[in-house]
Amino acid sequence: MNICYLYLDTGFVNYRTQYPEFTEWLAIEVSVEGLKGKQKRVNITLSEPLLARVDACVGFHHEFKDRSDFLAKAADRFML
């Protein structure tokens, strides 16, 4: 049995063309929320224009719960 581990968080990719030897596929969604550590409050300083841009982005993109959620996800994504 051939096993290939793929990260699906990059959006749709047709892996069948890259791995033609695999005839059966299985996608499993795994919640990683339980693996994240306890949240800690921090104090940061941002310029007013940058803070306004962050707030506008959060207001437009509803996948972010709030400013803190946006900053946490942006930091996490930057450090991949």
Foldseek 3Di string as FASTA:
>chain_A
DDDDDDDCPVDDDDCCVVPVVDDDDDDDDDDCVVVDDDDDDDDDDDDPVVVVVLQVVCVVDVVAPHSVSVVVVVVVVVVD
